[in-house]
Amino acid sequence: MAFTDLEINEAALETVAQLEAFGHKVKAYASNAADFEATQQVVAQVAASTSW
């Protein structure tokens, strides 16, 4: 499972911890969805790391 936020701060890390407590593998990515190129890069990162 992956999710994005503008920055990976304490709140995002808490979300990771909560989801992991349910047995999910989780990775958080910093991304600004308003920036199309940055969004494409994050999608590529997520796709490349699906083996986690």
PDB file of N, CA and C in Angstrom:
ATOM      1  N   MET A   1       0.859  -1.159   0.000  1.00  0.00           N
ATOM      2  CA  MET A   1       0.000   0.000   0.000  1.00  0.00           C
ATOM      3  C   MET A   1       0.910   1.228   0.000  1.00  0.00           C
ATOM      4  N   ALA A   2       0.546   2.206  -0.770  1.00  0.00           N
ATOM      5  CA  ALA A   2       1.310   3.448  -0.843  1.00  0.00           C
ATOM      6  C   ALA A   2       0.353   4.627  -0.768  1.00  0.00           C
ATOM      7  N   PHE A   3       0.846   5.706  -0.196  1.00  0.00           N
ATOM      8  CA  PHE A   3       0.079   6.947  -0.204  1.00  0.00           C
ATOM      9  C   PHE A   3       1.032   8.121  -0.311  1.00  0.00           C
ATOM     10  N   THR A   4       0.484   9.262  -0.711  1.00  0.00           N
ATOM     11  CA  THR A   4       1.292  10.471  -0.850  1.00  0.00           C
ATOM     12  C   THR A   4       0.740  11.574   0.035  1.00  0.00           C
ATOM     13  N   ASP A   5       1.621  12.491   0.356  1.00  0.00           N
ATOM     14  CA  ASP A   5       1.270  13.716   1.077  1.00  0.00           C
ATOM     15  C   ASP A   5       2.284  14.766   0.658  1.00  0.00           C
ATOM     16  N   LEU A   6       1.992  16.006   0.940  1.00  0.00           N
ATOM     17  CA  LEU A   6       2.939  17.062   0.561  1.00  0.00           C
ATOM     18  C   LEU A   6       4.299  16.855   1.196  1.00  0.00           C
ATOM     19  N   GLU A   7       4.314  16.394   2.433  1.00  0.00           N
ATOM     20  CA  GLU A   7       5.563  16.067   3.099  1.00  0.00           C
ATOM     21  C   GLU A   7       5.318  14.880   4.023  1.00  0.00           C
ATOM     22  N   ILE A   8       6.361  14.119   4.228  1.00  0.00           N
ATOM     23  CA  ILE A   8       6.245  12.982   5.127  1.00  0.00           C
ATOM     24  C   ILE A   8       6.699  13.478   6.499  1.00  0.00           C
ATOM     25  N   ASN A   9       5.702  13.862   7.289  1.00  0.00           N
ATOM     26  CA  ASN A   9       5.951  14.420   8.606  1.00  0.00           C
ATOM     27  C   ASN A   9       5.450  13.441   9.674  1.00  0.00           C
ATOM     28  N   GLU A  10       5.361  13.909  10.885  1.00  0.00           N
ATOM     29  CA  GLU A  10       4.938  13.056  11.992  1.00  0.00           C
ATOM     30  C   GLU A  10       3.541  12.463  11.765  1.00  0.00           C
ATOM     31  N   ALA A  11       2.635  13.247  11.217  1.00  0.00           N
ATOM     32  CA  ALA A  11       1.281  12.758  10.954  1.00  0.00           C
ATOM     33  C   ALA A  11       1.290  11.648   9.907  1.00  0.00           C
ATOM     34  N   ALA A  12       2.078  11.810   8.865  1.00  0.00           N
ATOM     35  CA  ALA A  12       2.167  10.773   7.833  1.00  0.00           C
ATOM     36  C   ALA A  12       2.784   9.498   8.398  1.00  0.00           C
ATOM     37  N   LEU A  13       3.794   9.646   9.232  1.00  0.00           N
ATOM     38  CA  LEU A  13       4.419   8.476   9.842  1.00  0.00           C
ATOM     39  C   LEU A  13       3.462   7.774  10.793  1.00  0.00           C
ATOM     40  N   GLU A  14       2.594   8.522  11.442  1.00  0.00           N
ATOM     41  CA  GLU A  14       1.569   7.928  12.308  1.00  0.00           C
ATOM     42  C   GLU A  14       0.577   7.133  11.457  1.00  0.00           C
ATOM     43  N   THR A  15       0.238   7.642  10.290  1.00  0.00           N
ATOM     44  CA  THR A  15      -0.642   6.912   9.382  1.00  0.00           C
ATOM     45  C   THR A  15       0.009   5.605   8.964  1.00  0.00           C
ATOM     46  N   VAL A  16       1.292   5.652   8.647  1.00  0.00           N
ATOM     47  CA  VAL A  16       2.028   4.434   8.300  1.00  0.00           C
ATOM     48  C   VAL A  16       1.931   3.428   9.444  1.00  0.00           C
ATOM     49  N   ALA A  17       2.201   3.885  10.664  1.00  0.00           N
ATOM     50  CA  ALA A  17       2.176   2.998  11.829  1.00  0.00           C
ATOM     51  C   ALA A  17       0.791   2.385  12.042  1.00  0.00           C
ATOM     52  N   GLN A  18      -0.237   3.184  11.872  1.00  0.00           N
ATOM     53  CA  GLN A  18      -1.602   2.675  12.060  1.00  0.00           C
ATOM     54  C   GLN A  18      -1.947   1.618  11.023  1.00  0.00           C
ATOM     55  N   LEU A  19      -1.580   1.848   9.776  1.00  0.00           N
ATOM     56  CA  LEU A  19      -1.856   0.875   8.729  1.00  0.00           C
ATOM     57  C   LEU A  19      -1.033  -0.400   8.912  1.00  0.00           C
ATOM     58  N   GLU A  20       0.223  -0.245   9.330  1.00  0.00           N
ATOM     59  CA  GLU A  20       1.065  -1.409   9.583  1.00  0.00           C
ATOM     60  C   GLU A  20       0.520  -2.240  10.740  1.00  0.00           C
ATOM     61  N   ALA A  21      -0.132  -1.593  11.697  1.00  0.00           N
ATOM     62  CA  ALA A  21      -0.731  -2.315  12.821  1.00  0.00           C
ATOM     63  C   ALA A  21      -1.828  -3.274  12.365  1.00  0.00           C
ATOM     64  N   PHE A  22      -2.401  -3.023  11.202  1.00  0.00           N
ATOM     65  CA  PHE A  22      -3.407  -3.909  10.626  1.00  0.00           C
ATOM     66  C   PHE A  22      -2.777  -4.969   9.718  1.00  0.00           C
ATOM     67  N   GLY A  23      -1.453  -5.013   9.683  1.00  0.00           N
ATOM     68  CA  GLY A  23      -0.756  -6.028   8.911  1.00  0.00           C
ATOM     69  C   GLY A  23      -0.424  -5.648   7.483  1.00  0.00           C
ATOM     70  N   HIS A  24      -0.607  -4.377   7.132  1.00  0.00           N
ATOM     71  CA  HIS A  24      -0.312  -3.920   5.773  1.00  0.00           C
ATOM     72  C   HIS A  24       1.143  -3.484   5.658  1.00  0.00           C
ATOM     73  N   LYS A  25       1.730  -3.709   4.495  1.00  0.00           N
ATOM     74  CA  LYS A  25       3.019  -3.115   4.172  1.00  0.00           C
ATOM     75  C   LYS A  25       2.711  -1.752   3.575  1.00  0.00           C
ATOM     76  N   VAL A  26       3.323  -0.712   4.111  1.00  0.00           N
ATOM     77  CA  VAL A  26       2.959   0.656   3.730  1.00  0.00           C
ATOM     78  C   VAL A  26       4.215   1.460   3.422  1.00  0.00           C
ATOM     79  N   LYS A  27       4.112   2.312   2.418  1.00  0.00           N
ATOM     80  CA  LYS A  27       5.188   3.249   2.106  1.00  0.00           C
ATOM     81  C   LYS A  27       4.551   4.603   1.791  1.00  0.00           C
ATOM     82  N   ALA A  28       5.105   5.637   2.386  1.00  0.00           N
ATOM     83  CA  ALA A  28       4.612   6.994   2.174  1.00  0.00           C
ATOM     84  C   ALA A  28       5.586   7.750   1.268  1.00  0.00           C
ATOM     85  N   TYR A  29       5.039   8.536   0.373  1.00  0.00           N
ATOM     86  CA  TYR A  29       5.838   9.320  -0.566  1.00  0.00           C
ATOM     87  C   TYR A  29       5.438  10.784  -0.471  1.00  0.00           C
ATOM     88  N   ALA A  30       6.430  11.659  -0.476  1.00  0.00           N
ATOM     89  CA  ALA A  30       6.160  13.095  -0.526  1.00  0.00           C
ATOM     90  C   ALA A  30       5.897  13.470  -1.983  1.00  0.00           C
ATOM     91  N   SER A  31       4.800  14.191  -2.217  1.00  0.00           N
ATOM     92  CA  SER A  31       4.457  14.571  -3.579  1.00  0.00           C
ATOM     93  C   SER A  31       3.460  15.710  -3.569  1.00  0.00           C
ATOM     94  N   ASN A  32       3.590  16.573  -4.552  1.00  0.00           N
ATOM     95  CA  ASN A  32       2.636  17.651  -4.759  1.00  0.00           C
ATOM     96  C   ASN A  32       1.800  17.280  -5.981  1.00  0.00           C
ATOM     97  N   ALA A  33       0.568  16.871  -5.758  1.00  0.00           N
ATOM     98  CA  ALA A  33      -0.290  16.405  -6.848  1.00  0.00           C
ATOM     99  C   ALA A  33      -0.586  17.502  -7.872  1.00  0.00           C
ATOM    100  N   ALA A  34      -0.360  18.744  -7.524  1.00  0.00           N
ATOM    101  CA  ALA A  34      -0.580  19.840  -8.469  1.00  0.00           C
ATOM    102  C   ALA A  34       0.542  19.942  -9.501  1.00  0.00           C
ATOM    103  N   ASP A  35       1.646  19.247  -9.255  1.00  0.00           N
ATOM    104  CA  ASP A  35       2.796  19.256 -10.162  1.00  0.00           C
ATOM    105  C   ASP A  35       2.769  17.945 -10.954  1.00  0.00           C
ATOM    106  N   PHE A  36       2.329  18.025 -12.202  1.00  0.00           N
ATOM    107  CA  PHE A  36       2.125  16.826 -13.016  1.00  0.00           C
ATOM    108  C   PHE A  36       3.400  16.005 -13.163  1.00  0.00           C
ATOM    109  N   GLU A  37       4.525  16.653 -13.450  1.00  0.00           N
ATOM    110  CA  GLU A  37       5.781  15.921 -13.617  1.00  0.00           C
ATOM    111  C   GLU A  37       6.190  15.218 -12.335  1.00  0.00           C
ATOM    112  N   ALA A  38       6.068  15.897 -11.195  1.00  0.00           N
ATOM    113  CA  ALA A  38       6.420  15.289  -9.912  1.00  0.00           C
ATOM    114  C   ALA A  38       5.512  14.099  -9.619  1.00  0.00           C
ATOM    115  N   THR A  39       4.248  14.226  -9.987  1.00  0.00           N
ATOM    116  CA  THR A  39       3.308  13.124  -9.778  1.00  0.00           C
ATOM    117  C   THR A  39       3.697  11.922 -10.619  1.00  0.00           C
ATOM    118  N   GLN A  40       4.087  12.145 -11.850  1.00  0.00           N
ATOM    119  CA  GLN A  40       4.531  11.044 -12.708  1.00  0.00           C
ATOM    120  C   GLN A  40       5.753  10.352 -12.112  1.00  0.00           C
ATOM    121  N   GLN A  41       6.662  11.135 -11.539  1.00  0.00           N
ATOM    122  CA  GLN A  41       7.866  10.566 -10.932  1.00  0.00           C
ATOM    123  C   GLN A  41       7.508   9.693  -9.725  1.00  0.00           C
ATOM    124  N   VAL A  42       6.575  10.157  -8.919  1.00  0.00           N
ATOM    125  CA  VAL A  42       6.170   9.376  -7.748  1.00  0.00           C
ATOM    126  C   VAL A  42       5.481   8.086  -8.182  1.00  0.00           C
ATOM    127  N   VAL A  43       4.644   8.162  -9.193  1.00  0.00           N
ATOM    128  CA  VAL A  43       3.988   6.958  -9.701  1.00  0.00           C
ATOM    129  C   VAL A  43       5.042   5.955 -10.172  1.00  0.00           C
ATOM    130  N   ALA A  44       6.057   6.430 -10.844  1.00  0.00           N
ATOM    131  CA  ALA A  44       7.139   5.542 -11.300  1.00  0.00           C
ATOM    132  C   ALA A  44       7.878   4.935 -10.109  1.00  0.00           C
ATOM    133  N   GLN A  45       8.113   5.720  -9.055  1.00  0.00           N
ATOM    134  CA  GLN A  45       8.777   5.205  -7.848  1.00  0.00           C
ATOM    135  C   GLN A  45       7.934   4.115  -7.202  1.00  0.00           C
ATOM    136  N   VAL A  46       6.637   4.365  -7.089  1.00  0.00           N
ATOM    137  CA  VAL A  46       5.739   3.384  -6.471  1.00  0.00           C
ATOM    138  C   VAL A  46       5.738   2.099  -7.295  1.00  0.00           C
ATOM    139  N   ALA A  47       5.626   2.232  -8.600  1.00  0.00           N
ATOM    140  CA  ALA A  47       5.616   1.052  -9.469  1.00  0.00           C
ATOM    141  C   ALA A  47       6.923   0.264  -9.376  1.00  0.00           C
ATOM    142  N   ALA A  48       8.023   0.966  -9.242  1.00  0.00           N
ATOM    143  CA  ALA A  48       9.339   0.307  -9.175  1.00  0.00           C
ATOM    144  C   ALA A  48       9.556  -0.392  -7.828  1.00  0.00           C
ATOM    145  N   SER A  49       8.844   0.023  -6.808  1.00  0.00           N
ATOM    146  CA  SER A  49       9.089  -0.543  -5.477  1.00  0.00           C
ATOM    147  C   SER A  49       7.953  -1.432  -4.998  1.00  0.00           C
ATOM    148  N   THR A  50       7.215  -2.013  -5.909  1.00  0.00           N
ATOM    149  CA  THR A  50       6.068  -2.833  -5.495  1.00  0.00           C
ATOM    150  C   THR A  50       6.490  -4.162  -4.884  1.00  0.00           C
ATOM    151  N   SER A  51       7.767  -4.450  -4.869  1.00  0.00           N
ATOM    152  CA  SER A  51       8.220  -5.717  -4.281  1.00  0.00           C
ATOM    153  C   SER A  51       8.319  -5.646  -2.763  1.00  0.00           C
ATOM    154  N   TRP A  52       8.132  -4.478  -2.189  1.00  0.00           N
ATOM    155  CA  TRP A  52       8.219  -4.376  -0.724  1.00  0.00           C
ATOM    156  C   TRP A  52       6.995  -4.946  -0.151  1.00  0.00           C
TER     157      TRP A  52
END
